[in-house]
Amino acid sequence: MEWIDDAGRVIETVPRVRMRAENLLHRSVAVIVTTSDGRLVVQRRSDEKDLFPGWWDIGAGGVITAGESPDDAARRELHEELGIDATPEFVTTGRHDDDHARELCHIYRVVHDGPFTPIDGEVVEVRSVDPDGFRHLTATTAFLPGSLALLLPHLPGFIAANVSPATCAAPEPTRLRWEAVQRVEFTIEPFVEADPGAHVTAPVEALRRSGIDVEVGPFGSGCTVPDRRIGDVVATITRIAVEHGATHINIDVEAVAEP
């Protein structure tokens, strides 16, 4: 992930676990999805998310990866979280800071009637709601405060019950406890510059679909993984790389101090 300053300049590329632990300012995207009959598409986050697990969101989105453009990130998040291929329209850029997340968010919108099928495991439920249904849902369950603050002003007619869009008062989030993690660095051969092949790209794509952020560099790839998932990650890399013709795999695992 890219840690940025107030002007949006990149300070340093850092692992996601550090970004969350130190609440570093970063770039994100959020896509407002409405249906052709004016309903709002909302989604519930997985209970495995590192922040606000199980809470609802009014935008498909997430953190922009290192080197990724906002437009590409918006299309990627739409596909991963809702299973749709669409090119959203850019709306504006907003800033939201609280004790749990600090983000410079690129906001988009798109009209789509689905079907909506989460792919990467980060979203576990999707609904489309009219204004009355939205007010009822926000009165009975928790929504991401940053999502409400940034996106509600662009949704005339949709008002969250018991929540002021200006202040986004919301209950204290339930965080997952920070776990001990491992840093996994891996290289897969044969390596052909500018043409990595499926034996390299397929393992990376599989890890990303499972919710693991992978940084791909010119000399190898890496990810930061909770202890409980290290075996699955190493097995995924090895199995899929071999299935696609890898001749040599080097995996280095190093313990990272718990935040």
C-alpha atoms as a PDB file:
ATOM      1  CA  MET A   1       0.000   0.000   0.000  1.00  0.00           C
ATOM      2  CA  GLU A   2       1.126   3.593  -0.574  1.00  0.00           C
ATOM      3  CA  TRP A   3       1.439   5.852   2.471  1.00  0.00           C
ATOM      4  CA  ILE A   4       0.803   9.390   1.215  1.00  0.00           C
ATOM      5  CA  ASP A   5       1.107  12.939   2.560  1.00  0.00           C
ATOM      6  CA  ASP A   6      -1.687  15.524   2.676  1.00  0.00           C
ATOM      7  CA  ALA A   7      -0.941  16.541  -0.924  1.00  0.00           C
ATOM      8  CA  GLY A   8      -1.323  12.962  -2.140  1.00  0.00           C
ATOM      9  CA  ARG A   9       2.403  12.389  -2.690  1.00  0.00           C
ATOM     10  CA  VAL A  10       3.728   8.920  -1.937  1.00  0.00           C
ATOM     11  CA  ILE A  11       5.904   8.806   1.176  1.00  0.00           C
ATOM     12  CA  GLU A  12       6.585   5.075   1.255  1.00  0.00           C
ATOM     13  CA  THR A  13       5.165   1.741   0.120  1.00  0.00           C
ATOM     14  CA  VAL A  14       4.188  -0.190   3.249  1.00  0.00           C
ATOM     15  CA  PRO A  15       2.457  -3.514   4.017  1.00  0.00           C
ATOM     16  CA  ARG A  16      -1.245  -3.332   4.777  1.00  0.00           C
ATOM     17  CA  VAL A  17      -0.741  -4.489   8.372  1.00  0.00           C
ATOM     18  CA  ARG A  18       1.429  -1.430   9.073  1.00  0.00           C
ATOM     19  CA  MET A  19      -1.005   0.922   7.350  1.00  0.00           C
ATOM     20  CA  ARG A  20      -3.800  -0.311   9.617  1.00  0.00           C
ATOM     21  CA  ALA A  21      -1.700  -0.453  12.801  1.00  0.00           C
ATOM     22  CA  GLU A  22      -0.395   3.132  12.412  1.00  0.00           C
ATOM     23  CA  ASN A  23      -3.529   4.496  10.686  1.00  0.00           C
ATOM     24  CA  LEU A  24      -1.498   5.913   7.800  1.00  0.00           C
ATOM     25  CA  LEU A  25      -3.086   8.173   5.206  1.00  0.00           C
ATOM     26  CA  HIS A  26      -3.630   6.258   1.969  1.00  0.00           C
ATOM     27  CA  ARG A  27      -5.539   6.371  -1.317  1.00  0.00           C
ATOM     28  CA  SER A  28      -8.789   4.494  -1.768  1.00  0.00           C
ATOM     29  CA  VAL A  29     -11.703   4.189  -4.169  1.00  0.00           C
ATOM     30  CA  ALA A  30     -15.437   3.877  -3.583  1.00  0.00           C
ATOM     31  CA  VAL A  31     -18.014   3.190  -6.290  1.00  0.00           C
ATOM     32  CA  ILE A  32     -21.667   4.072  -5.716  1.00  0.00           C
ATOM     33  CA  VAL A  33     -23.768   1.426  -7.476  1.00  0.00           C
ATOM     34  CA  THR A  34     -27.421   2.087  -8.231  1.00  0.00           C
ATOM     35  CA  THR A  35     -29.862   0.048 -10.296  1.00  0.00           C
ATOM     36  CA  SER A  36     -31.751   1.404 -13.289  1.00  0.00           C
ATOM     37  CA  ASP A  37     -34.862   1.823 -11.129  1.00  0.00           C
ATOM     38  CA  GLY A  38     -32.976   3.921  -8.558  1.00  0.00           C
ATOM     39  CA  ARG A  39     -32.236   1.375  -5.839  1.00  0.00           C
ATOM     40  CA  LEU A  40     -28.924   1.535  -3.960  1.00  0.00           C
ATOM     41  CA  VAL A  41     -26.679  -1.518  -3.894  1.00  0.00           C
ATOM     42  CA  VAL A  42     -25.198  -2.133  -0.430  1.00  0.00           C
ATOM     43  CA  GLN A  43     -22.927  -4.924   0.756  1.00  0.00           C
ATOM     44  CA  ARG A  44     -21.920  -6.527   4.043  1.00  0.00           C
ATOM     45  CA  ARG A  45     -18.234  -7.034   4.751  1.00  0.00           C
ATOM     46  CA  SER A  46     -16.753 -10.380   5.716  1.00  0.00           C
ATOM     47  CA  ASP A  47     -16.244 -11.133   9.402  1.00  0.00           C
ATOM     48  CA  GLU A  48     -12.577 -11.703   8.498  1.00  0.00           C
ATOM     49  CA  LYS A  49     -11.906  -8.073   7.553  1.00  0.00           C
ATOM     50  CA  ASP A  50      -9.198  -6.351   9.608  1.00  0.00           C
ATOM     51  CA  LEU A  51     -11.380  -3.273  10.206  1.00  0.00           C
ATOM     52  CA  PHE A  52     -15.164  -3.028  10.686  1.00  0.00           C
ATOM     53  CA  PRO A  53     -15.703  -6.774  10.167  1.00  0.00           C
ATOM     54  CA  GLY A  54     -19.322  -7.610   9.391  1.00  0.00           C
ATOM     55  CA  TRP A  55     -20.353  -3.965   8.883  1.00  0.00           C
ATOM     56  CA  TRP A  56     -22.312  -2.729   5.865  1.00  0.00           C
ATOM     57  CA  ASP A  57     -20.979  -0.431   3.145  1.00  0.00           C
ATOM     58  CA  ILE A  58     -22.707   1.765   0.556  1.00  0.00           C
ATOM     59  CA  GLY A  59     -19.850   1.674  -1.926  1.00  0.00           C
ATOM     60  CA  ALA A  60     -17.842  -1.038  -3.613  1.00  0.00           C
ATOM     61  CA  GLY A  61     -14.259  -0.132  -2.944  1.00  0.00           C
ATOM     62  CA  GLY A  62     -11.050  -0.438  -1.026  1.00  0.00           C
ATOM     63  CA  VAL A  63      -7.415   0.559  -0.873  1.00  0.00           C
ATOM     64  CA  ILE A  64      -5.573   1.414  -4.095  1.00  0.00           C
ATOM     65  CA  THR A  65      -2.554  -0.863  -4.449  1.00  0.00           C
ATOM     66  CA  ALA A  66       0.949   0.461  -5.078  1.00  0.00           C
ATOM     67  CA  GLY A  67       1.306   1.756  -8.638  1.00  0.00           C
ATOM     68  CA  GLU A  68      -2.379   1.270  -9.448  1.00  0.00           C
ATOM     69  CA  SER A  69      -4.455   4.081 -10.964  1.00  0.00           C
ATOM     70  CA  PRO A  70      -7.767   5.066  -9.315  1.00  0.00           C
ATOM     71  CA  ASP A  71      -9.675   4.149 -12.506  1.00  0.00           C
ATOM     72  CA  ASP A  72      -8.133   0.664 -12.551  1.00  0.00           C
ATOM     73  CA  ALA A  73      -8.758   0.226  -8.819  1.00  0.00           C
ATOM     74  CA  ALA A  74     -12.431   1.182  -9.209  1.00  0.00           C
ATOM     75  CA  ARG A  75     -12.958  -1.369 -11.989  1.00  0.00           C
ATOM     76  CA  ARG A  76     -11.077  -4.026 -10.005  1.00  0.00           C
ATOM     77  CA  GLU A  77     -13.097  -3.461  -6.830  1.00  0.00           C
ATOM     78  CA  LEU A  78     -16.377  -3.626  -8.760  1.00  0.00           C
ATOM     79  CA  HIS A  79     -15.369  -6.987 -10.171  1.00  0.00           C
ATOM     80  CA  GLU A  80     -13.986  -8.407  -6.912  1.00  0.00           C
ATOM     81  CA  GLU A  81     -16.764  -7.259  -4.592  1.00  0.00           C
ATOM     82  CA  LEU A  82     -19.836  -7.434  -6.854  1.00  0.00           C
ATOM     83  CA  GLY A  83     -18.745  -9.606  -9.760  1.00  0.00           C
ATOM     84  CA  ILE A  84     -19.568  -7.037 -12.424  1.00  0.00           C
ATOM     85  CA  ASP A  85     -17.458  -5.700 -15.280  1.00  0.00           C
ATOM     86  CA  ALA A  86     -18.204  -2.012 -15.768  1.00  0.00           C
ATOM     87  CA  THR A  87     -16.427   1.302 -16.214  1.00  0.00           C
ATOM     88  CA  PRO A  88     -17.656   3.666 -13.503  1.00  0.00           C
ATOM     89  CA  GLU A  89     -17.850   7.428 -13.898  1.00  0.00           C
ATOM     90  CA  PHE A  90     -15.546   9.549 -11.735  1.00  0.00           C
ATOM     91  CA  VAL A  91     -17.436  11.923  -9.405  1.00  0.00           C
ATOM     92  CA  THR A  92     -14.968  13.629  -7.081  1.00  0.00           C
ATOM     93  CA  THR A  93     -12.227  13.086  -4.516  1.00  0.00           C
ATOM     94  CA  GLY A  94     -12.985  13.314  -0.787  1.00  0.00           C
ATOM     95  CA  ARG A  95     -11.020  13.098   2.436  1.00  0.00           C
ATOM     96  CA  HIS A  96     -12.066  11.233   5.568  1.00  0.00           C
ATOM     97  CA  ASP A  97     -10.078  10.865   8.795  1.00  0.00           C
ATOM     98  CA  ASP A  98     -11.063   9.143  12.014  1.00  0.00           C
ATOM     99  CA  ASP A  99      -9.389   7.027  14.682  1.00  0.00           C
ATOM    100  CA  HIS A 100      -9.620   3.911  12.507  1.00  0.00           C
ATOM    101  CA  ALA A 101      -8.873   4.989   8.943  1.00  0.00           C
ATOM    102  CA  ARG A 102      -7.413   7.999   7.115  1.00  0.00           C
ATOM    103  CA  GLU A 103      -8.060   8.036   3.389  1.00  0.00           C
ATOM    104  CA  LEU A 104      -8.051  10.183   0.293  1.00  0.00           C
ATOM    105  CA  CYS A 105     -10.966   8.584  -1.535  1.00  0.00           C
ATOM    106  CA  HIS A 106     -11.641   8.728  -5.274  1.00  0.00           C
ATOM    107  CA  ILE A 107     -15.412   8.473  -5.642  1.00  0.00           C
ATOM    108  CA  TYR A 108     -17.148   6.933  -8.665  1.00  0.00           C
ATOM    109  CA  ARG A 109     -20.639   5.877  -9.613  1.00  0.00           C
ATOM    110  CA  VAL A 110     -22.199   3.369 -12.005  1.00  0.00           C
ATOM    111  CA  VAL A 111     -25.693   2.135 -12.889  1.00  0.00           C
ATOM    112  CA  HIS A 112     -25.935  -1.648 -13.072  1.00  0.00           C
ATOM    113  CA  ASP A 113     -28.705  -4.213 -12.560  1.00  0.00           C
ATOM    114  CA  GLY A 114     -26.484  -7.166 -11.674  1.00  0.00           C
ATOM    115  CA  PRO A 115     -26.476 -10.002 -11.009  1.00  0.00           C
ATOM    116  CA  PHE A 116     -24.181  -9.163  -8.110  1.00  0.00           C
ATOM    117  CA  THR A 117     -21.907 -12.036  -7.122  1.00  0.00           C
ATOM    118  CA  PRO A 118     -19.015 -11.365  -4.711  1.00  0.00           C
ATOM    119  CA  ILE A 119     -15.803 -13.003  -5.900  1.00  0.00           C
ATOM    120  CA  ASP A 120     -12.914 -12.305  -3.509  1.00  0.00           C
ATOM    121  CA  GLY A 121     -14.543 -13.244  -0.183  1.00  0.00           C
ATOM    122  CA  GLU A 122     -14.429  -9.713   1.256  1.00  0.00           C
ATOM    123  CA  VAL A 123     -18.180  -9.237   0.703  1.00  0.00           C
ATOM    124  CA  VAL A 124     -20.605 -11.875   2.015  1.00  0.00           C
ATOM    125  CA  GLU A 125     -24.027 -10.335   1.303  1.00  0.00           C
ATOM    126  CA  VAL A 126     -25.415  -7.892  -1.273  1.00  0.00           C
ATOM    127  CA  ARG A 127     -28.786  -6.125  -1.269  1.00  0.00           C
ATOM    128  CA  SER A 128     -30.443  -3.437  -3.364  1.00  0.00           C
ATOM    129  CA  VAL A 129     -32.617  -1.101  -1.301  1.00  0.00           C
ATOM    130  CA  ASP A 130     -34.959   1.823  -1.909  1.00  0.00           C
ATOM    131  CA  PRO A 131     -34.723   4.917   0.360  1.00  0.00           C
ATOM    132  CA  ASP A 132     -37.112   3.454   2.950  1.00  0.00           C
ATOM    133  CA  GLY A 133     -35.242   0.163   2.994  1.00  0.00           C
ATOM    134  CA  PHE A 134     -31.953   1.996   3.403  1.00  0.00           C
ATOM    135  CA  ARG A 135     -33.237   4.020   6.366  1.00  0.00           C
ATOM    136  CA  HIS A 136     -34.513   0.831   7.995  1.00  0.00           C
ATOM    137  CA  LEU A 137     -31.202  -0.951   7.457  1.00  0.00           C
ATOM    138  CA  THR A 138     -29.115   1.899   8.875  1.00  0.00           C
ATOM    139  CA  ALA A 139     -31.423   2.025  11.896  1.00  0.00           C
ATOM    140  CA  THR A 140     -30.835  -1.632  12.703  1.00  0.00           C
ATOM    141  CA  THR A 141     -27.230  -2.367  11.749  1.00  0.00           C
ATOM    142  CA  ALA A 142     -23.813  -0.710  11.518  1.00  0.00           C
ATOM    143  CA  PHE A 143     -22.496   1.031   8.392  1.00  0.00           C
ATOM    144  CA  LEU A 144     -18.954   2.234   7.743  1.00  0.00           C
ATOM    145  CA  PRO A 145     -18.771   5.854   8.943  1.00  0.00           C
ATOM    146  CA  GLY A 146     -16.335   6.883   6.217  1.00  0.00           C
ATOM    147  CA  SER A 147     -18.605   5.448   3.555  1.00  0.00           C
ATOM    148  CA  LEU A 148     -21.594   7.368   4.891  1.00  0.00           C
ATOM    149  CA  ALA A 149     -19.653  10.615   5.208  1.00  0.00           C
ATOM    150  CA  LEU A 150     -18.121  10.454   1.734  1.00  0.00           C
ATOM    151  CA  LEU A 151     -20.933   8.943  -0.345  1.00  0.00           C
ATOM    152  CA  LEU A 152     -24.279  10.015   1.146  1.00  0.00           C
ATOM    153  CA  PRO A 153     -23.908  13.619  -0.122  1.00  0.00           C
ATOM    154  CA  HIS A 154     -23.993  12.159  -3.648  1.00  0.00           C
ATOM    155  CA  LEU A 155     -27.183  10.185  -3.007  1.00  0.00           C
ATOM    156  CA  PRO A 156     -30.078  12.655  -2.833  1.00  0.00           C
ATOM    157  CA  GLY A 157     -33.118  10.972  -1.378  1.00  0.00           C
ATOM    158  CA  PHE A 158     -31.165   8.432   0.644  1.00  0.00           C
ATOM    159  CA  ILE A 159     -30.913   9.461   4.305  1.00  0.00           C
ATOM    160  CA  ALA A 160     -29.364   7.254   6.962  1.00  0.00           C
ATOM    161  CA  ALA A 161     -31.533   6.829  10.059  1.00  0.00           C
ATOM    162  CA  ASN A 162     -30.036   8.271  13.251  1.00  0.00           C
ATOM    163  CA  VAL A 163     -26.832   9.264  11.420  1.00  0.00           C
ATOM    164  CA  SER A 164     -25.813  12.749  10.380  1.00  0.00           C
ATOM    165  CA  PRO A 165     -23.908  12.692   7.080  1.00  0.00           C
ATOM    166  CA  ALA A 166     -21.911  15.695   8.313  1.00  0.00           C
ATOM    167  CA  THR A 167     -20.608  14.034  11.466  1.00  0.00           C
ATOM    168  CA  CYS A 168     -21.302  10.364  10.785  1.00  0.00           C
ATOM    169  CA  ALA A 169     -21.798   9.487  14.413  1.00  0.00           C
ATOM    170  CA  ALA A 170     -21.554   5.721  14.590  1.00  0.00           C
ATOM    171  CA  PRO A 171     -21.013   3.036  17.207  1.00  0.00           C
ATOM    172  CA  GLU A 172     -17.470   1.996  18.071  1.00  0.00           C
ATOM    173  CA  PRO A 173     -16.292  -0.578  15.514  1.00  0.00           C
ATOM    174  CA  THR A 174     -15.382  -4.095  16.443  1.00  0.00           C
ATOM    175  CA  ARG A 175     -11.852  -4.743  15.218  1.00  0.00           C
ATOM    176  CA  LEU A 176     -10.285  -8.091  14.722  1.00  0.00           C
ATOM    177  CA  ARG A 177      -7.372  -8.494  17.104  1.00  0.00           C
ATOM    178  CA  TRP A 178      -4.058  -7.833  15.393  1.00  0.00           C
ATOM    179  CA  GLU A 179      -2.331 -11.162  14.846  1.00  0.00           C
ATOM    180  CA  ALA A 180       1.268 -12.210  14.538  1.00  0.00           C
ATOM    181  CA  VAL A 181       2.078 -12.210  10.829  1.00  0.00           C
ATOM    182  CA  GLN A 182       4.626 -13.612   8.432  1.00  0.00           C
ATOM    183  CA  ARG A 183       6.197 -11.890   5.458  1.00  0.00           C
ATOM    184  CA  VAL A 184       6.224 -14.175   2.421  1.00  0.00           C
ATOM    185  CA  GLU A 185       8.557 -13.355  -0.483  1.00  0.00           C
ATOM    186  CA  PHE A 186       8.509 -15.615  -3.532  1.00  0.00           C
ATOM    187  CA  THR A 187       9.982 -15.944  -6.996  1.00  0.00           C
ATOM    188  CA  ILE A 188       8.779 -18.323  -9.697  1.00  0.00           C
ATOM    189  CA  GLU A 189      10.766 -19.431 -12.743  1.00  0.00           C
ATOM    190  CA  PRO A 190      11.131 -19.432 -15.647  1.00  0.00           C
ATOM    191  CA  PHE A 191      11.123 -15.637 -15.637  1.00  0.00           C
ATOM    192  CA  VAL A 192      10.652 -13.698 -18.853  1.00  0.00           C
ATOM    193  CA  GLU A 193      10.752  -9.917 -18.511  1.00  0.00           C
ATOM    194  CA  ALA A 194       7.446  -8.232 -19.515  1.00  0.00           C
ATOM    195  CA  ASP A 195       5.887 -11.666 -20.148  1.00  0.00           C
ATOM    196  CA  PRO A 196       5.624 -13.491 -16.804  1.00  0.00           C
ATOM    197  CA  GLY A 197       3.272 -16.243 -17.940  1.00  0.00           C
ATOM    198  CA  ALA A 198       0.429 -17.996 -16.116  1.00  0.00           C
ATOM    199  CA  HIS A 199       2.829 -19.884 -13.820  1.00  0.00           C
ATOM    200  CA  VAL A 200       3.634 -16.476 -12.270  1.00  0.00           C
ATOM    201  CA  THR A 201       0.355 -14.595 -12.626  1.00  0.00           C
ATOM    202  CA  ALA A 202      -2.074 -17.379 -11.664  1.00  0.00           C
ATOM    203  CA  PRO A 203      -0.743 -17.832  -8.078  1.00  0.00           C
ATOM    204  CA  VAL A 204      -0.844 -14.056  -7.535  1.00  0.00           C
ATOM    205  CA  GLU A 205      -4.418 -13.839  -8.800  1.00  0.00           C
ATOM    206  CA  ALA A 206      -5.479 -16.765  -6.599  1.00  0.00           C
ATOM    207  CA  LEU A 207      -4.012 -15.122  -3.495  1.00  0.00           C
ATOM    208  CA  ARG A 208      -5.729 -11.825  -4.288  1.00  0.00           C
ATOM    209  CA  ARG A 209      -9.070 -13.580  -4.750  1.00  0.00           C
ATOM    210  CA  SER A 210      -8.635 -15.067  -1.283  1.00  0.00           C
ATOM    211  CA  GLY A 211      -8.172 -11.582   0.223  1.00  0.00           C
ATOM    212  CA  ILE A 212      -4.354 -11.518   0.379  1.00  0.00           C
ATOM    213  CA  ASP A 213      -2.712  -8.303  -0.852  1.00  0.00           C
ATOM    214  CA  VAL A 214       0.244  -9.220  -3.080  1.00  0.00           C
ATOM    215  CA  GLU A 215       2.875  -6.722  -4.167  1.00  0.00           C
ATOM    216  CA  VAL A 216       4.456  -7.681  -7.484  1.00  0.00           C
ATOM    217  CA  GLY A 217       7.937  -6.343  -8.195  1.00  0.00           C
ATOM    218  CA  PRO A 218      10.576  -6.746 -10.901  1.00  0.00           C
ATOM    219  CA  PHE A 219      12.496  -9.369  -8.903  1.00  0.00           C
ATOM    220  CA  GLY A 220       9.703 -11.200  -7.104  1.00  0.00           C
ATOM    221  CA  SER A 221       6.415 -10.903  -5.263  1.00  0.00           C
ATOM    222  CA  GLY A 222       5.512 -10.582  -1.603  1.00  0.00           C
ATOM    223  CA  CYS A 223       2.639 -10.505   0.856  1.00  0.00           C
ATOM    224  CA  THR A 224       2.055 -10.170   4.592  1.00  0.00           C
ATOM    225  CA  VAL A 225       0.015 -13.062   5.962  1.00  0.00           C
ATOM    226  CA  PRO A 226      -1.525 -13.893   9.365  1.00  0.00           C
ATOM    227  CA  ASP A 227       0.037 -16.938  11.046  1.00  0.00           C
ATOM    228  CA  ARG A 228      -3.178 -18.928  10.694  1.00  0.00           C
ATOM    229  CA  ARG A 229      -3.081 -18.616   6.873  1.00  0.00           C
ATOM    230  CA  ILE A 230       0.624 -19.168   6.175  1.00  0.00           C
ATOM    231  CA  GLY A 231       0.264 -22.861   5.287  1.00  0.00           C
ATOM    232  CA  ASP A 232      -2.561 -22.209   2.842  1.00  0.00           C
ATOM    233  CA  VAL A 233      -0.669 -19.352   1.181  1.00  0.00           C
ATOM    234  CA  VAL A 234       2.522 -21.362   0.653  1.00  0.00           C
ATOM    235  CA  ALA A 235       0.490 -24.331  -0.628  1.00  0.00           C
ATOM    236  CA  THR A 236      -1.476 -22.098  -3.032  1.00  0.00           C
ATOM    237  CA  ILE A 237       1.677 -20.567  -4.501  1.00  0.00           C
ATOM    238  CA  THR A 238       3.347 -23.941  -4.956  1.00  0.00           C
ATOM    239  CA  ARG A 239       0.367 -25.873  -6.293  1.00  0.00           C
ATOM    240  CA  ILE A 240      -0.838 -23.327  -8.826  1.00  0.00           C
ATOM    241  CA  ALA A 241       2.643 -22.406 -10.054  1.00  0.00           C
ATOM    242  CA  VAL A 242       3.486 -26.080 -10.702  1.00  0.00           C
ATOM    243  CA  GLU A 243       0.119 -26.671 -12.390  1.00  0.00           C
ATOM    244  CA  HIS A 244       0.967 -23.870 -14.829  1.00  0.00           C
ATOM    245  CA  GLY A 245       4.475 -25.063 -15.676  1.00  0.00           C
ATOM    246  CA  ALA A 246       6.833 -23.523 -13.100  1.00  0.00           C
ATOM    247  CA  THR A 247      10.310 -25.077 -13.120  1.00  0.00           C
ATOM    248  CA  HIS A 248      11.624 -23.508  -9.921  1.00  0.00           C
ATOM    249  CA  ILE A 249       9.918 -21.856  -6.937  1.00  0.00           C
ATOM    250  CA  ASN A 250      11.718 -20.025  -4.163  1.00  0.00           C
ATOM    251  CA  ILE A 251       9.684 -19.033  -1.076  1.00  0.00           C
ATOM    252  CA  ASP A 252      11.120 -17.135   1.877  1.00  0.00           C
ATOM    253  CA  VAL A 253       9.058 -16.723   5.045  1.00  0.00           C
ATOM    254  CA  GLU A 254      10.085 -14.278   7.772  1.00  0.00           C
ATOM    255  CA  ALA A 255       8.309 -13.537  11.036  1.00  0.00           C
ATOM    256  CA  VAL A 256       7.088  -9.952  11.447  1.00  0.00           C
ATOM    257  CA  ALA A 257       6.651  -8.454  14.895  1.00  0.00           C
ATOM    258  CA  GLU A 258       3.063  -8.173  16.026  1.00  0.00           C
ATOM    259  CA  PRO A 259       1.888  -4.513  15.855  1.00  0.00           C
END
